[in-house]
N, C-alpha and C. Protein backbone atom coordinates (compact mmCIF):
# COMPACT_ATOMS: atom_id res chain seq x y z
N MET A 1 91.32 92.44 89.84
CA MET A 1 91.63 93.81 89.52
C MET A 1 90.88 94.23 88.25
N GLN A 2 90.74 95.54 88.05
CA GLN A 2 90.05 96.02 86.88
C GLN A 2 90.88 95.78 85.62
N PRO A 3 90.25 95.41 84.50
CA PRO A 3 91.01 95.20 83.27
C PRO A 3 91.59 96.51 82.76
N GLY A 4 92.72 96.42 82.07
CA GLY A 4 93.35 97.61 81.52
C GLY A 4 93.38 97.59 80.01
N ARG A 5 93.79 98.71 79.44
CA ARG A 5 93.97 98.84 77.99
C ARG A 5 95.48 98.84 77.74
N ILE A 6 95.96 97.84 77.02
CA ILE A 6 97.39 97.63 76.86
C ILE A 6 97.77 97.75 75.39
N LEU A 7 98.73 98.61 75.09
CA LEU A 7 99.29 98.74 73.74
C LEU A 7 100.63 98.02 73.72
N VAL A 8 100.76 97.03 72.84
CA VAL A 8 101.99 96.24 72.72
C VAL A 8 102.67 96.59 71.40
N ILE A 9 103.90 97.12 71.48
CA ILE A 9 104.66 97.45 70.27
C ILE A 9 105.89 96.54 70.24
N GLU A 10 105.86 95.57 69.34
CA GLU A 10 106.89 94.54 69.24
C GLU A 10 106.96 94.08 67.79
N ASP A 11 108.16 94.16 67.17
CA ASP A 11 108.25 93.83 65.75
C ASP A 11 108.34 92.34 65.47
N ALA A 12 108.74 91.53 66.45
CA ALA A 12 108.79 90.07 66.26
C ALA A 12 107.37 89.51 66.36
N GLU A 13 106.87 89.02 65.23
CA GLU A 13 105.46 88.62 65.17
C GLU A 13 105.11 87.56 66.20
N ALA A 14 105.95 86.54 66.37
CA ALA A 14 105.63 85.46 67.30
C ALA A 14 105.57 85.97 68.74
N ILE A 15 106.50 86.84 69.10
CA ILE A 15 106.50 87.40 70.47
C ILE A 15 105.29 88.30 70.66
N ARG A 16 105.02 89.16 69.67
CA ARG A 16 103.88 90.06 69.78
C ARG A 16 102.58 89.27 69.93
N ALA A 17 102.39 88.24 69.13
CA ALA A 17 101.17 87.43 69.19
C ALA A 17 101.02 86.77 70.55
N ALA A 18 102.13 86.27 71.09
CA ALA A 18 102.07 85.60 72.39
C ALA A 18 101.73 86.57 73.50
N VAL A 19 102.33 87.76 73.47
CA VAL A 19 102.06 88.76 74.50
C VAL A 19 100.62 89.25 74.42
N VAL A 20 100.15 89.51 73.20
CA VAL A 20 98.76 89.94 73.02
C VAL A 20 97.81 88.87 73.53
N ALA A 21 98.07 87.62 73.19
CA ALA A 21 97.20 86.52 73.62
C ALA A 21 97.22 86.37 75.14
N GLY A 22 98.41 86.46 75.74
CA GLY A 22 98.50 86.30 77.18
C GLY A 22 97.80 87.40 77.95
N LEU A 23 97.96 88.65 77.52
CA LEU A 23 97.30 89.77 78.19
C LEU A 23 95.79 89.73 77.95
N SER A 24 95.39 89.33 76.74
CA SER A 24 93.95 89.21 76.44
C SER A 24 93.31 88.13 77.29
N ALA A 25 94.01 87.00 77.46
CA ALA A 25 93.48 85.91 78.28
C ALA A 25 93.34 86.33 79.73
N ALA A 26 94.15 87.30 80.17
CA ALA A 26 94.06 87.80 81.54
C ALA A 26 92.94 88.82 81.69
N GLY A 27 92.21 89.11 80.61
CA GLY A 27 91.05 89.98 80.70
C GLY A 27 91.26 91.40 80.23
N HIS A 28 92.44 91.70 79.69
CA HIS A 28 92.73 93.07 79.28
C HIS A 28 92.37 93.29 77.82
N LYS A 29 92.12 94.55 77.47
CA LYS A 29 91.91 94.91 76.07
C LYS A 29 93.27 95.27 75.49
N VAL A 30 93.68 94.59 74.41
CA VAL A 30 95.06 94.70 73.94
C VAL A 30 95.08 95.07 72.46
N LEU A 31 95.97 95.98 72.12
CA LEU A 31 96.22 96.36 70.73
C LEU A 31 97.69 96.10 70.43
N GLY A 32 97.97 95.29 69.40
CA GLY A 32 99.34 94.97 69.04
C GLY A 32 99.79 95.72 67.79
N ARG A 33 101.01 96.25 67.82
CA ARG A 33 101.59 96.94 66.67
C ARG A 33 103.00 96.42 66.42
N ALA A 34 103.41 96.36 65.15
CA ALA A 34 104.74 95.89 64.79
C ALA A 34 105.78 97.00 64.87
N ASP A 35 105.33 98.26 64.92
CA ASP A 35 106.25 99.40 65.04
C ASP A 35 105.48 100.57 65.65
N GLY A 36 106.19 101.70 65.78
CA GLY A 36 105.57 102.85 66.43
C GLY A 36 105.03 103.88 65.47
N MET A 37 104.77 103.50 64.21
CA MET A 37 104.30 104.45 63.22
C MET A 37 102.97 105.09 63.61
N ARG A 38 102.11 104.32 64.32
CA ARG A 38 100.80 104.85 64.70
C ARG A 38 100.73 105.18 66.20
N LEU A 39 101.88 105.38 66.81
CA LEU A 39 101.87 105.61 68.26
C LEU A 39 101.01 106.79 68.66
N GLU A 40 101.21 107.93 68.03
CA GLU A 40 100.48 109.14 68.44
C GLU A 40 98.96 108.98 68.29
N PRO A 41 98.46 108.52 67.13
CA PRO A 41 97.00 108.30 67.06
C PRO A 41 96.51 107.21 68.01
N ASP A 42 97.34 106.19 68.25
CA ASP A 42 96.93 105.14 69.21
C ASP A 42 96.80 105.70 70.62
N LEU A 43 97.70 106.60 71.00
CA LEU A 43 97.61 107.21 72.33
C LEU A 43 96.34 108.02 72.47
N THR A 44 95.91 108.66 71.37
CA THR A 44 94.71 109.50 71.40
C THR A 44 93.43 108.67 71.28
N GLN A 45 93.45 107.68 70.39
CA GLN A 45 92.22 106.94 70.09
C GLN A 45 92.04 105.70 70.96
N PHE A 46 93.10 104.93 71.17
CA PHE A 46 93.00 103.71 71.99
C PHE A 46 93.14 104.04 73.47
N ARG A 47 93.91 105.07 73.80
CA ARG A 47 94.11 105.54 75.17
C ARG A 47 94.59 104.41 76.10
N PRO A 48 95.77 103.88 75.84
CA PRO A 48 96.25 102.77 76.67
C PRO A 48 96.54 103.20 78.10
N ASP A 49 96.34 102.26 79.02
CA ASP A 49 96.76 102.46 80.40
C ASP A 49 98.24 102.12 80.55
N VAL A 50 98.68 101.11 79.78
CA VAL A 50 100.08 100.67 79.81
C VAL A 50 100.54 100.41 78.38
N VAL A 51 101.78 100.80 78.09
CA VAL A 51 102.41 100.48 76.80
C VAL A 51 103.55 99.50 77.07
N VAL A 52 103.49 98.33 76.42
CA VAL A 52 104.58 97.37 76.46
C VAL A 52 105.42 97.64 75.22
N LEU A 53 106.66 98.06 75.43
CA LEU A 53 107.43 98.69 74.37
C LEU A 53 108.77 97.99 74.16
N ASP A 54 108.95 97.40 72.97
CA ASP A 54 110.23 96.80 72.61
C ASP A 54 111.24 97.93 72.33
N VAL A 55 112.51 97.68 72.61
CA VAL A 55 113.54 98.69 72.38
C VAL A 55 113.99 98.68 70.93
N MET A 56 114.31 97.51 70.40
CA MET A 56 114.84 97.39 69.04
C MET A 56 113.69 97.30 68.05
N LEU A 57 113.34 98.43 67.45
CA LEU A 57 112.21 98.50 66.54
C LEU A 57 112.64 99.15 65.23
N PRO A 58 111.96 98.81 64.11
CA PRO A 58 112.23 99.52 62.86
C PRO A 58 111.73 100.96 62.97
N GLY A 59 112.44 101.88 62.32
CA GLY A 59 112.05 103.28 62.43
C GLY A 59 112.49 103.84 63.78
N ARG A 60 111.59 104.48 64.49
CA ARG A 60 111.92 105.00 65.82
C ARG A 60 112.13 103.85 66.80
N ASP A 61 113.20 103.91 67.55
CA ASP A 61 113.43 102.83 68.52
C ASP A 61 112.62 103.07 69.78
N GLY A 62 112.72 102.13 70.72
CA GLY A 62 111.91 102.19 71.91
C GLY A 62 112.15 103.43 72.75
N PHE A 63 113.39 103.91 72.80
CA PHE A 63 113.69 105.09 73.60
C PHE A 63 113.02 106.34 73.01
N ALA A 64 113.00 106.44 71.68
CA ALA A 64 112.32 107.56 71.03
C ALA A 64 110.82 107.49 71.27
N LEU A 65 110.27 106.26 71.20
CA LEU A 65 108.83 106.09 71.44
C LEU A 65 108.48 106.38 72.89
N LEU A 66 109.36 105.98 73.82
CA LEU A 66 109.14 106.27 75.24
C LEU A 66 109.02 107.78 75.46
N LYS A 67 109.89 108.53 74.82
CA LYS A 67 109.85 109.99 74.94
C LYS A 67 108.52 110.53 74.43
N ALA A 68 108.04 109.96 73.31
CA ALA A 68 106.77 110.41 72.74
C ALA A 68 105.60 110.06 73.66
N VAL A 69 105.64 108.87 74.27
CA VAL A 69 104.59 108.48 75.21
C VAL A 69 104.56 109.45 76.38
N ARG A 70 105.71 109.75 76.94
CA ARG A 70 105.79 110.63 78.11
C ARG A 70 105.32 112.05 77.79
N ALA A 71 105.48 112.47 76.53
CA ALA A 71 105.07 113.82 76.14
C ALA A 71 103.57 113.93 75.92
N ARG A 72 102.89 112.78 75.70
CA ARG A 72 101.49 112.84 75.29
C ARG A 72 100.52 112.06 76.16
N SER A 73 101.03 111.27 77.10
CA SER A 73 100.16 110.34 77.81
C SER A 73 100.65 110.10 79.23
N ALA A 74 99.71 109.70 80.09
CA ALA A 74 100.06 109.30 81.46
C ALA A 74 100.18 107.79 81.57
N ALA A 75 100.19 107.10 80.42
CA ALA A 75 100.26 105.63 80.43
C ALA A 75 101.53 105.14 81.09
N GLY A 76 101.43 104.00 81.78
CA GLY A 76 102.62 103.35 82.29
C GLY A 76 103.36 102.68 81.15
N VAL A 77 104.67 102.47 81.30
CA VAL A 77 105.48 101.88 80.22
C VAL A 77 106.33 100.75 80.79
N VAL A 78 106.21 99.57 80.16
CA VAL A 78 107.09 98.44 80.44
C VAL A 78 107.94 98.23 79.19
N MET A 79 109.25 98.38 79.32
CA MET A 79 110.15 98.21 78.18
C MET A 79 110.64 96.77 78.11
N VAL A 80 110.72 96.25 76.90
CA VAL A 80 111.14 94.86 76.66
C VAL A 80 112.27 94.88 75.64
N THR A 81 113.37 94.18 75.92
CA THR A 81 114.48 94.17 74.99
C THR A 81 115.33 92.93 75.15
N ALA A 82 116.03 92.58 74.08
CA ALA A 82 116.98 91.48 74.15
C ALA A 82 118.29 91.93 74.78
N ARG A 83 118.49 93.23 74.85
CA ARG A 83 119.69 93.75 75.47
C ARG A 83 119.63 93.53 76.98
N ASP A 84 120.70 92.96 77.54
CA ASP A 84 120.69 92.74 78.99
C ASP A 84 121.72 93.60 79.70
N GLY A 85 122.30 94.58 78.98
CA GLY A 85 123.27 95.46 79.61
C GLY A 85 122.60 96.39 80.61
N ILE A 86 123.26 96.61 81.72
CA ILE A 86 122.71 97.48 82.75
C ILE A 86 122.53 98.90 82.24
N GLU A 87 123.37 99.30 81.27
CA GLU A 87 123.28 100.66 80.75
C GLU A 87 121.93 100.92 80.08
N ASP A 88 121.46 99.92 79.33
CA ASP A 88 120.17 100.09 78.65
C ASP A 88 119.02 100.17 79.66
N ARG A 89 119.10 99.34 80.69
CA ARG A 89 118.04 99.38 81.70
C ARG A 89 118.03 100.72 82.42
N VAL A 90 119.21 101.19 82.78
CA VAL A 90 119.30 102.49 83.46
C VAL A 90 118.80 103.60 82.55
N ARG A 91 119.18 103.54 81.28
CA ARG A 91 118.74 104.56 80.34
C ARG A 91 117.21 104.58 80.23
N GLY A 92 116.60 103.40 80.13
CA GLY A 92 115.15 103.34 80.03
C GLY A 92 114.47 103.86 81.28
N LEU A 93 114.95 103.48 82.43
CA LEU A 93 114.34 103.94 83.68
C LEU A 93 114.50 105.44 83.86
N ARG A 94 115.67 105.95 83.52
CA ARG A 94 115.89 107.38 83.64
C ARG A 94 115.05 108.18 82.65
N ALA A 95 114.75 107.55 81.51
CA ALA A 95 113.93 108.23 80.50
C ALA A 95 112.44 108.18 80.84
N GLY A 96 112.08 107.41 81.87
CA GLY A 96 110.69 107.42 82.31
C GLY A 96 109.95 106.11 82.22
N SER A 97 110.62 105.01 81.89
CA SER A 97 109.91 103.72 81.89
C SER A 97 109.63 103.30 83.33
N ASP A 98 108.54 102.56 83.52
CA ASP A 98 108.14 102.14 84.86
C ASP A 98 108.70 100.78 85.23
N ASP A 99 109.02 99.97 84.22
CA ASP A 99 109.57 98.64 84.47
C ASP A 99 110.34 98.22 83.23
N TYR A 100 111.14 97.15 83.40
CA TYR A 100 112.04 96.72 82.33
C TYR A 100 112.11 95.20 82.35
N VAL A 101 111.86 94.55 81.21
CA VAL A 101 111.89 93.10 81.11
C VAL A 101 112.87 92.72 80.01
N VAL A 102 113.75 91.77 80.30
CA VAL A 102 114.78 91.35 79.35
C VAL A 102 114.38 90.04 78.68
N LYS A 103 114.49 89.99 77.35
CA LYS A 103 114.24 88.77 76.60
C LYS A 103 115.41 87.80 76.81
N PRO A 104 115.15 86.49 76.79
CA PRO A 104 113.82 85.85 76.76
C PRO A 104 113.15 85.96 78.13
N PHE A 105 111.85 86.18 78.13
CA PHE A 105 111.11 86.34 79.37
C PHE A 105 109.98 85.32 79.43
N ASP A 106 109.53 85.05 80.63
CA ASP A 106 108.38 84.18 80.83
C ASP A 106 107.11 85.02 80.65
N LEU A 107 106.17 84.55 79.83
CA LEU A 107 104.96 85.32 79.55
C LEU A 107 104.19 85.63 80.82
N ALA A 108 104.10 84.66 81.72
CA ALA A 108 103.37 84.88 82.97
C ALA A 108 103.99 86.01 83.79
N GLU A 109 105.32 86.10 83.73
CA GLU A 109 106.00 87.19 84.47
C GLU A 109 105.67 88.54 83.86
N LEU A 110 105.67 88.61 82.53
CA LEU A 110 105.35 89.88 81.88
C LEU A 110 103.93 90.31 82.22
N VAL A 111 102.97 89.38 82.16
CA VAL A 111 101.59 89.70 82.51
C VAL A 111 101.53 90.18 83.96
N ALA A 112 102.25 89.52 84.86
CA ALA A 112 102.25 89.91 86.27
C ALA A 112 102.84 91.31 86.45
N ARG A 113 103.89 91.63 85.69
CA ARG A 113 104.50 92.96 85.81
C ARG A 113 103.55 94.04 85.29
N VAL A 114 102.86 93.77 84.19
CA VAL A 114 101.89 94.72 83.67
C VAL A 114 100.78 94.95 84.68
N GLU A 115 100.28 93.88 85.28
CA GLU A 115 99.19 94.01 86.24
C GLU A 115 99.65 94.69 87.53
N ALA A 116 100.89 94.45 87.93
CA ALA A 116 101.42 95.15 89.10
C ALA A 116 101.50 96.65 88.82
N LEU A 117 101.88 97.01 87.61
CA LEU A 117 101.93 98.42 87.23
C LEU A 117 100.54 99.03 87.21
N LEU A 118 99.56 98.29 86.70
CA LEU A 118 98.18 98.77 86.71
C LEU A 118 97.70 99.01 88.14
N ARG A 119 98.05 98.11 89.05
CA ARG A 119 97.65 98.30 90.45
C ARG A 119 98.31 99.53 91.04
N ARG A 120 99.58 99.74 90.77
CA ARG A 120 100.27 100.92 91.28
C ARG A 120 99.63 102.19 90.73
N MET A 121 99.30 102.18 89.47
CA MET A 121 98.65 103.34 88.86
C MET A 121 97.28 103.56 89.44
N GLY A 122 96.58 102.46 89.78
CA GLY A 122 95.26 102.58 90.39
C GLY A 122 95.33 103.25 91.74
N ARG A 123 96.35 102.92 92.54
CA ARG A 123 96.50 103.56 93.85
C ARG A 123 96.78 105.05 93.68
N ALA A 124 97.56 105.39 92.62
CA ALA A 124 97.85 106.80 92.40
C ALA A 124 96.61 107.59 92.00
N GLN A 125 95.62 106.86 91.43
CA GLN A 125 94.37 107.49 91.00
C GLN A 125 93.23 107.15 91.95
N ALA A 126 93.54 107.01 93.25
CA ALA A 126 92.52 106.61 94.21
C ALA A 126 91.44 107.67 94.37
N ARG A 127 91.76 108.92 94.07
CA ARG A 127 90.79 110.01 94.15
C ARG A 127 90.66 110.60 92.76
N VAL A 128 89.47 110.45 92.17
CA VAL A 128 89.24 110.87 90.80
C VAL A 128 88.20 111.99 90.79
N THR A 129 88.48 113.04 90.02
CA THR A 129 87.56 114.17 89.90
C THR A 129 87.10 114.29 88.45
N ILE A 130 85.79 114.31 88.27
CA ILE A 130 85.19 114.51 86.95
C ILE A 130 84.17 115.62 87.09
N GLY A 131 84.49 116.80 86.59
CA GLY A 131 83.60 117.94 86.78
C GLY A 131 83.44 118.23 88.26
N ASP A 132 82.20 118.24 88.74
CA ASP A 132 81.94 118.49 90.16
C ASP A 132 81.78 117.19 90.95
N LEU A 133 82.12 116.06 90.32
CA LEU A 133 82.02 114.75 90.99
C LEU A 133 83.40 114.33 91.50
N ILE A 134 83.47 113.91 92.76
CA ILE A 134 84.69 113.39 93.34
C ILE A 134 84.43 111.96 93.80
N VAL A 135 85.23 111.02 93.31
CA VAL A 135 85.12 109.62 93.69
C VAL A 135 86.39 109.24 94.43
N ASP A 136 86.25 108.87 95.69
CA ASP A 136 87.40 108.51 96.52
C ASP A 136 87.36 107.02 96.79
N VAL A 137 88.20 106.27 96.07
CA VAL A 137 88.19 104.81 96.17
C VAL A 137 88.69 104.35 97.53
N GLU A 138 89.66 105.06 98.10
CA GLU A 138 90.23 104.64 99.38
C GLU A 138 89.21 104.70 100.50
N THR A 139 88.36 105.72 100.50
CA THR A 139 87.36 105.86 101.57
C THR A 139 86.01 105.28 101.17
N GLY A 140 85.86 104.92 99.88
CA GLY A 140 84.59 104.38 99.42
C GLY A 140 83.48 105.40 99.41
N SER A 141 83.82 106.66 99.15
CA SER A 141 82.83 107.74 99.19
C SER A 141 82.81 108.50 97.88
N ALA A 142 81.67 109.14 97.61
CA ALA A 142 81.52 109.96 96.41
C ALA A 142 80.76 111.22 96.78
N ARG A 143 81.15 112.31 96.17
CA ARG A 143 80.53 113.60 96.44
C ARG A 143 80.27 114.31 95.12
N ARG A 144 79.11 114.94 95.01
CA ARG A 144 78.81 115.76 93.84
C ARG A 144 78.56 117.17 94.33
N GLY A 145 79.43 118.09 93.96
CA GLY A 145 79.34 119.44 94.49
C GLY A 145 79.58 119.41 95.99
N SER A 146 78.63 119.89 96.75
CA SER A 146 78.74 119.90 98.21
C SER A 146 77.96 118.76 98.86
N THR A 147 77.43 117.85 98.03
CA THR A 147 76.54 116.80 98.54
C THR A 147 77.23 115.44 98.53
N ASP A 148 77.22 114.76 99.68
CA ASP A 148 77.71 113.39 99.75
C ASP A 148 76.65 112.47 99.16
N LEU A 149 77.05 111.61 98.24
CA LEU A 149 76.10 110.71 97.59
C LEU A 149 75.90 109.45 98.43
N THR A 150 74.67 109.00 98.53
CA THR A 150 74.35 107.75 99.23
C THR A 150 74.21 106.65 98.19
N LEU A 151 75.22 105.80 98.11
CA LEU A 151 75.25 104.74 97.10
C LEU A 151 75.34 103.38 97.77
N THR A 152 74.75 102.38 97.12
CA THR A 152 74.96 101.02 97.58
C THR A 152 76.39 100.60 97.24
N ALA A 153 76.83 99.48 97.81
CA ALA A 153 78.19 99.00 97.53
C ALA A 153 78.38 98.73 96.04
N THR A 154 77.36 98.15 95.40
CA THR A 154 77.46 97.85 93.98
C THR A 154 77.46 99.12 93.15
N GLU A 155 76.62 100.08 93.52
CA GLU A 155 76.59 101.35 92.79
C GLU A 155 77.92 102.07 92.90
N PHE A 156 78.56 102.03 94.08
CA PHE A 156 79.85 102.69 94.22
C PHE A 156 80.91 101.98 93.38
N LYS A 157 80.89 100.66 93.39
CA LYS A 157 81.87 99.90 92.60
C LYS A 157 81.69 100.21 91.12
N LEU A 158 80.44 100.32 90.68
CA LEU A 158 80.15 100.67 89.29
C LEU A 158 80.66 102.08 88.99
N LEU A 159 80.39 103.03 89.88
CA LEU A 159 80.84 104.40 89.68
C LEU A 159 82.37 104.48 89.64
N ALA A 160 83.02 103.76 90.55
CA ALA A 160 84.48 103.76 90.58
C ALA A 160 85.06 103.21 89.29
N TYR A 161 84.43 102.17 88.74
CA TYR A 161 84.91 101.59 87.48
C TYR A 161 84.73 102.59 86.33
N LEU A 162 83.57 103.22 86.27
CA LEU A 162 83.34 104.21 85.21
C LEU A 162 84.30 105.39 85.36
N ALA A 163 84.56 105.80 86.61
CA ALA A 163 85.46 106.93 86.85
C ALA A 163 86.88 106.59 86.44
N ALA A 164 87.31 105.35 86.72
CA ALA A 164 88.66 104.92 86.34
C ALA A 164 88.83 104.89 84.83
N HIS A 165 87.73 104.75 84.10
CA HIS A 165 87.76 104.71 82.64
C HIS A 165 87.03 105.91 82.05
N ARG A 166 87.07 107.03 82.76
CA ARG A 166 86.35 108.23 82.32
C ARG A 166 86.73 108.62 80.89
N ASP A 167 85.74 109.11 80.16
CA ASP A 167 85.89 109.52 78.76
C ASP A 167 86.11 108.36 77.81
N ARG A 168 86.01 107.11 78.31
CA ARG A 168 86.12 105.95 77.46
C ARG A 168 84.79 105.19 77.49
N VAL A 169 84.49 104.50 76.42
CA VAL A 169 83.29 103.67 76.38
C VAL A 169 83.64 102.29 76.92
N VAL A 170 82.87 101.82 77.91
CA VAL A 170 83.05 100.47 78.44
C VAL A 170 81.79 99.67 78.13
N THR A 171 81.97 98.41 77.79
CA THR A 171 80.85 97.56 77.40
C THR A 171 80.17 96.96 78.64
N LYS A 172 79.00 96.40 78.42
CA LYS A 172 78.29 95.73 79.51
C LYS A 172 79.09 94.53 80.01
N THR A 173 79.73 93.83 79.07
CA THR A 173 80.53 92.67 79.48
C THR A 173 81.70 93.11 80.36
N GLN A 174 82.37 94.19 79.99
CA GLN A 174 83.47 94.70 80.82
C GLN A 174 82.97 95.09 82.21
N ILE A 175 81.81 95.71 82.27
CA ILE A 175 81.26 96.11 83.56
C ILE A 175 80.88 94.89 84.38
N LEU A 176 80.24 93.91 83.74
CA LEU A 176 79.88 92.68 84.46
C LEU A 176 81.11 92.02 85.06
N THR A 177 82.18 91.95 84.28
CA THR A 177 83.41 91.31 84.75
C THR A 177 84.03 92.09 85.90
N ALA A 178 84.09 93.42 85.77
CA ALA A 178 84.76 94.25 86.77
C ALA A 178 83.95 94.38 88.05
N VAL A 179 82.64 94.53 87.94
CA VAL A 179 81.79 94.83 89.11
C VAL A 179 81.27 93.56 89.77
N TRP A 180 80.83 92.60 88.94
CA TRP A 180 80.26 91.38 89.50
C TRP A 180 81.19 90.17 89.41
N GLY A 181 82.22 90.26 88.58
CA GLY A 181 83.19 89.18 88.48
C GLY A 181 82.80 88.09 87.51
N TYR A 182 81.71 88.28 86.76
CA TYR A 182 81.27 87.27 85.80
C TYR A 182 80.85 87.94 84.51
N GLU A 183 80.95 87.20 83.41
CA GLU A 183 80.51 87.72 82.12
C GLU A 183 79.15 87.18 81.71
N ASP A 184 78.64 86.16 82.41
CA ASP A 184 77.44 85.49 81.93
C ASP A 184 76.18 85.90 82.69
N TYR A 185 76.24 86.98 83.49
CA TYR A 185 75.03 87.49 84.11
C TYR A 185 74.16 88.15 83.03
N ASP A 186 72.89 88.33 83.35
CA ASP A 186 71.97 89.02 82.45
C ASP A 186 72.45 90.46 82.27
N PRO A 187 72.70 90.91 81.03
CA PRO A 187 73.13 92.30 80.81
C PRO A 187 72.15 93.33 81.37
N ASN A 188 70.86 92.92 81.55
CA ASN A 188 69.90 93.84 82.13
C ASN A 188 70.31 94.27 83.54
N LEU A 189 71.10 93.43 84.20
CA LEU A 189 71.60 93.78 85.53
C LEU A 189 72.40 95.07 85.47
N VAL A 190 73.20 95.20 84.43
CA VAL A 190 73.98 96.42 84.25
C VAL A 190 73.07 97.61 84.00
N GLU A 191 72.09 97.44 83.14
CA GLU A 191 71.19 98.54 82.80
C GLU A 191 70.46 99.05 84.05
N VAL A 192 70.00 98.12 84.88
CA VAL A 192 69.26 98.51 86.09
C VAL A 192 70.15 99.33 87.02
N HIS A 193 71.38 98.88 87.24
CA HIS A 193 72.27 99.58 88.16
C HIS A 193 72.78 100.89 87.58
N VAL A 194 73.03 100.93 86.27
CA VAL A 194 73.42 102.19 85.64
C VAL A 194 72.30 103.21 85.77
N SER A 195 71.07 102.77 85.56
CA SER A 195 69.93 103.69 85.67
C SER A 195 69.79 104.24 87.09
N ALA A 196 69.97 103.36 88.08
CA ALA A 196 69.86 103.81 89.47
C ALA A 196 70.98 104.79 89.81
N LEU A 197 72.20 104.49 89.37
CA LEU A 197 73.32 105.38 89.62
C LEU A 197 73.12 106.71 88.92
N ARG A 198 72.64 106.66 87.70
CA ARG A 198 72.41 107.89 86.93
C ARG A 198 71.40 108.78 87.63
N ARG A 199 70.33 108.20 88.16
CA ARG A 199 69.32 109.01 88.86
C ARG A 199 69.92 109.72 90.06
N LYS A 200 70.73 109.01 90.82
CA LYS A 200 71.32 109.62 92.01
C LYS A 200 72.29 110.74 91.65
N LEU A 201 73.05 110.54 90.58
CA LEU A 201 73.97 111.58 90.15
C LEU A 201 73.23 112.80 89.63
N GLU A 202 72.13 112.57 88.90
CA GLU A 202 71.42 113.68 88.27
C GLU A 202 70.51 114.43 89.23
N GLU A 203 70.35 113.92 90.44
CA GLU A 203 69.64 114.68 91.46
C GLU A 203 70.42 115.93 91.85
N HIS A 204 71.71 115.94 91.53
CA HIS A 204 72.57 117.03 92.01
C HIS A 204 73.35 117.70 90.88
N GLY A 205 72.96 117.48 89.63
CA GLY A 205 73.67 118.14 88.55
C GLY A 205 73.35 117.55 87.20
N ASP A 206 74.10 117.98 86.19
CA ASP A 206 73.87 117.53 84.82
C ASP A 206 74.29 116.07 84.65
N ARG A 207 73.88 115.51 83.52
CA ARG A 207 74.18 114.10 83.24
C ARG A 207 75.68 113.88 83.09
N LEU A 208 76.16 112.83 83.74
CA LEU A 208 77.56 112.43 83.63
C LEU A 208 77.70 111.05 82.99
N VAL A 209 76.75 110.15 83.27
CA VAL A 209 76.80 108.79 82.71
C VAL A 209 75.99 108.78 81.42
N HIS A 210 76.66 108.51 80.31
CA HIS A 210 76.03 108.56 79.00
C HIS A 210 75.99 107.17 78.37
N THR A 211 74.89 106.88 77.69
CA THR A 211 74.75 105.63 76.95
C THR A 211 75.27 105.84 75.53
N VAL A 212 76.15 104.96 75.09
CA VAL A 212 76.63 104.98 73.71
C VAL A 212 75.96 103.80 73.02
N ARG A 213 74.95 104.08 72.26
CA ARG A 213 74.08 103.03 71.72
C ARG A 213 74.87 101.97 70.96
N GLY A 214 74.60 100.72 71.32
CA GLY A 214 75.25 99.60 70.66
C GLY A 214 76.64 99.28 71.17
N LEU A 215 77.16 100.13 72.07
CA LEU A 215 78.52 99.91 72.57
C LEU A 215 78.56 99.74 74.08
N GLY A 216 78.01 100.70 74.82
CA GLY A 216 78.06 100.60 76.29
C GLY A 216 77.83 101.94 76.94
N TYR A 217 78.67 102.29 77.90
CA TYR A 217 78.48 103.51 78.69
C TYR A 217 79.80 104.26 78.84
N THR A 218 79.69 105.55 79.07
CA THR A 218 80.86 106.35 79.36
C THR A 218 80.52 107.41 80.40
N LEU A 219 81.48 107.74 81.23
CA LEU A 219 81.34 108.79 82.23
C LEU A 219 82.15 109.98 81.75
N ARG A 220 81.47 111.08 81.47
CA ARG A 220 82.17 112.26 80.94
C ARG A 220 81.37 113.51 81.25
N VAL A 221 82.06 114.63 81.17
CA VAL A 221 81.42 115.94 81.31
C VAL A 221 81.23 116.50 79.91
N ASP A 222 79.99 116.77 79.53
CA ASP A 222 79.74 117.35 78.22
C ASP A 222 80.03 118.84 78.26
N ALA A 223 80.68 119.34 77.20
CA ALA A 223 81.01 120.77 77.14
C ALA A 223 79.73 121.58 76.97
């Protein structure tokens, strides 16, 4: 599956470190925080796909942070707490959390739950629109304006990955892992396929795939 961007908010340092390490080892980009003081800028700047959110936190508790996430982001939320009362779980789910894990939990289970949520979110975003570009993952087709694009299987997989991370910069290593399944291929492989995809897209409109020098690529519509 495609790697996700995961924000982990957990005040217990040992638990936070373990969760960050486990999700990172599974290939995801992870940001760990001890509290929700930087939640709003993190939602804007880090743009997480999923927030792993402890309930008992200093300052704003998990329920308050959940409300803030729902007001500002489409990120999925997995709530984590030592409380095992059914009332807390129901409260979290009714407030908009997507899943609920009770401490103590098995790290492998938490990683599996996060990845299951990412897959569910991916199905919900099977059809992505960026400007006049439509990428339909379910049918494996792409259209720009009124024109159906003729792409190779690799070019479509690359486009789908960029579309799923639209407006974000993705590195060559991330692309290699997501599209080819390996990190040790020649990075020039990415450059060649990005260039080919870019040419096909620009035959029918303005540039959508942009190079961010020293970082990677992003798919966006320039104002």
